[in-house]
Amino acid sequence: MDIHSIIEGFIDGILILTDQGEVVCTNCCARQICESLSQDDSNSSFAPSRVWRICQLMIDSRTLYPDHIFMIEDEIELGGLDTIRIRVQWIDLESSDRPCLLVALEDRYQSAKKMAIAERQRYGLTDRESEVWLLRRANCTYKTIAAKLHITVDTVKKHIKNIHAKRQDVMWADK
């Protein structure tokens, strides 16, 4: 199985870059995320500048600490609820004579959404509780949740309290 087939199966966006920023390989999710990040960048054969800055830190750290293996993680705010978590680490590819960077791009809102859907079923949440829980998982404040859903902050608190009670019930039932 080749590297393209492997990374296409990942939920997160996966980019493999040379140490010069050239794209070696990418999956569909990464291409979508890079398009949203690259509105000001015109060359799609290179990493978007906001991603490349984080990769540059990894390259610099390898120069400073050649004997250490580690990963660099950061987040890029896109506005609204959209946040992309970026994780960068070194990878050795047999097909490349240069060191490469493995870049994982996680759409935090989509991850929270998938988690909220799973938790809705697991905890038996109502539609409204599910909406509240999704926004809470996306790190929204009670005030922001109330504004987005056109409800009062007290109603948000009530829903959160009910959600925690349902979660607690399931946890006790699992023991």
Protein backbone atom coordinates (compact mmCIF):
# COMPACT_ATOMS: atom_id res chain seq x y z
CA MET A 1 0.00 0.00 0.00
CA ASP A 2 1.39 3.41 -0.92
CA ILE A 3 1.50 6.51 1.30
CA HIS A 4 -1.34 8.22 -0.61
CA SER A 5 -3.73 5.37 0.16
CA ILE A 6 -2.73 5.36 3.81
CA ILE A 7 -3.19 9.08 4.49
CA GLU A 8 -6.47 9.28 2.55
CA GLY A 9 -8.03 7.11 5.26
CA PHE A 10 -7.24 9.58 8.06
CA ILE A 11 -10.02 11.72 9.54
CA ASP A 12 -7.66 14.67 10.03
CA GLY A 13 -6.05 16.51 7.16
CA ILE A 14 -2.58 15.11 6.49
CA LEU A 15 0.17 16.96 4.63
CA ILE A 16 3.63 15.64 3.98
CA LEU A 17 6.06 18.45 3.18
CA THR A 18 9.73 18.71 2.33
CA ASP A 19 11.91 20.82 4.57
CA GLN A 20 11.53 23.50 1.86
CA GLY A 21 7.74 23.61 2.21
CA GLU A 22 6.89 21.72 -0.98
CA VAL A 23 3.87 19.42 -0.77
CA VAL A 24 4.89 15.79 -1.25
CA CYS A 25 1.54 14.24 -0.44
CA THR A 26 -1.83 15.35 0.91
CA ASN A 27 -5.27 13.91 1.61
CA CYS A 28 -8.66 15.36 0.69
CA CYS A 29 -9.32 16.87 4.12
CA ALA A 30 -5.94 18.64 4.12
CA ARG A 31 -6.60 20.07 0.66
CA GLN A 32 -9.91 21.55 1.87
CA ILE A 33 -8.33 23.04 4.99
CA CYS A 34 -5.39 24.42 2.99
CA GLU A 35 -7.79 26.05 0.53
CA SER A 36 -9.46 27.90 3.39
CA LEU A 37 -6.05 28.94 4.75
CA SER A 38 -4.60 29.85 1.35
CA GLN A 39 -6.96 32.57 0.22
CA ASP A 40 -4.00 34.94 0.05
CA ASP A 41 -1.45 32.32 -1.10
CA SER A 42 -1.52 31.49 -4.80
CA ASN A 43 0.81 28.46 -5.06
CA SER A 44 -0.86 25.19 -4.01
CA SER A 45 2.34 23.16 -4.43
CA PHE A 46 3.64 24.76 -1.21
CA ALA A 47 2.20 24.77 2.30
CA PRO A 48 0.02 27.77 3.22
CA SER A 49 2.11 30.45 4.94
CA ARG A 50 0.23 30.10 8.25
CA VAL A 51 1.05 26.36 8.33
CA TRP A 52 4.60 26.87 7.08
CA ARG A 53 5.42 29.24 9.97
CA ILE A 54 4.74 26.39 12.41
CA CYS A 55 6.75 23.96 10.28
CA GLN A 56 9.62 26.45 10.31
CA LEU A 57 9.68 26.20 14.10
CA MET A 58 10.12 22.43 13.78
CA ILE A 59 12.96 22.89 11.30
CA ASP A 60 14.65 25.43 13.58
CA SER A 61 14.26 23.13 16.58
CA ARG A 62 15.97 20.29 14.71
CA THR A 63 18.95 22.56 14.16
CA LEU A 64 19.05 23.54 17.84
CA TYR A 65 18.28 20.07 19.27
CA PRO A 66 19.37 17.46 16.71
CA ASP A 67 19.23 14.55 19.20
CA HIS A 68 15.68 15.22 20.44
CA ILE A 69 12.51 13.84 18.89
CA PHE A 70 9.38 15.85 19.53
CA MET A 71 6.23 17.28 18.00
CA ILE A 72 5.14 20.91 17.74
CA GLU A 73 1.47 21.74 18.14
CA ASP A 74 -0.37 25.01 17.59
CA GLU A 75 -3.78 26.35 16.64
CA ILE A 76 -4.90 28.75 13.94
CA GLU A 77 -8.09 30.74 14.51
CA LEU A 78 -10.09 31.21 11.34
CA GLY A 79 -12.85 33.28 12.89
CA GLY A 80 -16.20 32.26 14.27
CA LEU A 81 -16.03 28.73 15.64
CA ASP A 82 -13.40 27.58 13.16
CA THR A 83 -10.07 26.63 14.69
CA ILE A 84 -7.48 24.38 13.09
CA ARG A 85 -5.13 22.42 15.35
CA ILE A 86 -1.78 21.79 13.68
CA ARG A 87 0.63 19.06 14.78
CA VAL A 88 4.03 18.77 13.07
CA GLN A 89 6.64 16.05 13.37
CA TRP A 90 9.49 14.64 11.30
CA ILE A 91 8.94 11.61 9.09
CA ASP A 92 11.39 9.57 7.02
CA LEU A 93 10.05 8.50 3.65
CA GLU A 94 11.82 5.86 1.60
CA SER A 95 10.78 7.71 -1.55
CA SER A 96 12.51 10.95 -0.49
CA ASP A 97 16.18 11.65 -0.02
CA ARG A 98 15.35 14.71 2.11
CA PRO A 99 13.75 14.82 5.55
CA CYS A 100 10.00 15.46 5.46
CA LEU A 101 7.46 16.93 7.82
CA LEU A 102 4.22 15.17 8.69
CA VAL A 103 1.58 17.83 9.31
CA ALA A 104 -1.78 16.87 10.83
CA LEU A 105 -4.56 19.46 10.44
CA GLU A 106 -7.57 18.98 12.69
CA ASP A 107 -10.73 21.03 12.18
CA ARG A 108 -11.66 21.47 15.85
CA TYR A 109 -15.30 22.38 15.13
CA GLN A 110 -15.84 19.27 13.00
CA SER A 111 -14.20 17.13 15.69
CA ALA A 112 -16.46 18.67 18.34
CA LYS A 113 -19.46 18.08 16.09
CA LYS A 114 -18.66 14.38 15.64
CA MET A 115 -18.08 14.00 19.36
CA ALA A 116 -21.36 15.75 20.17
CA ILE A 117 -23.27 13.44 17.79
CA ALA A 118 -21.77 10.37 19.46
CA GLU A 119 -22.50 11.75 22.92
CA ARG A 120 -26.06 12.62 21.93
CA GLN A 121 -26.73 8.96 21.27
CA ARG A 122 -24.75 7.69 24.24
CA TYR A 123 -26.36 10.02 26.79
CA GLY A 124 -29.83 10.30 25.21
CA LEU A 125 -29.71 14.06 24.71
CA THR A 126 -32.61 16.03 23.23
CA ASP A 127 -32.15 18.05 20.03
CA ARG A 128 -31.72 21.29 21.99
CA GLU A 129 -29.34 19.72 24.51
CA SER A 130 -27.35 18.44 21.56
CA GLU A 131 -27.10 21.93 20.05
CA VAL A 132 -26.03 23.38 23.40
CA TRP A 133 -23.50 20.58 23.94
CA LEU A 134 -21.96 21.02 20.49
CA LEU A 135 -21.34 24.72 21.12
CA ARG A 136 -20.03 24.01 24.61
CA ARG A 137 -17.63 21.41 23.21
CA ALA A 138 -16.48 24.07 20.73
CA ASN A 139 -15.46 26.15 23.80
CA CYS A 140 -18.27 28.67 23.51
CA THR A 141 -19.24 30.58 26.64
CA TYR A 142 -22.74 30.31 28.06
CA LYS A 143 -23.42 33.83 26.81
CA THR A 144 -22.29 32.96 23.27
CA ILE A 145 -24.37 29.77 23.27
CA ALA A 146 -27.42 31.73 24.42
CA ALA A 147 -26.95 34.31 21.67
CA LYS A 148 -26.43 31.72 18.92
CA LEU A 149 -29.46 29.67 19.95
CA HIS A 150 -31.66 32.67 20.85
CA ILE A 151 -32.23 31.48 24.41
CA THR A 152 -31.37 32.91 27.82
CA VAL A 153 -28.16 32.18 29.69
CA ASP A 154 -30.27 30.56 32.44
CA THR A 155 -31.73 28.17 29.86
CA VAL A 156 -28.21 27.30 28.71
CA LYS A 157 -27.25 26.59 32.33
CA LYS A 158 -30.33 24.39 32.72
CA HIS A 159 -29.43 22.40 29.59
CA ILE A 160 -25.81 22.00 30.68
CA LYS A 161 -26.99 20.81 34.11
CA ASN A 162 -29.30 18.24 32.45
CA ILE A 163 -26.51 17.08 30.14
CA HIS A 164 -24.13 16.55 33.06
CA ALA A 165 -26.84 14.63 34.93
CA LYS A 166 -27.40 12.35 31.92
CA ARG A 167 -23.66 11.82 31.54
CA GLN A 168 -23.39 10.98 35.23
CA ASP A 169 -26.28 8.48 34.94
CA VAL A 170 -24.56 6.69 32.05
CA MET A 171 -21.23 6.62 33.89
CA TRP A 172 -22.85 5.11 36.98
CA ALA A 173 -24.71 2.56 34.84
CA ASP A 174 -21.42 1.54 33.18
CA LYS A 175 -19.81 0.72 36.56
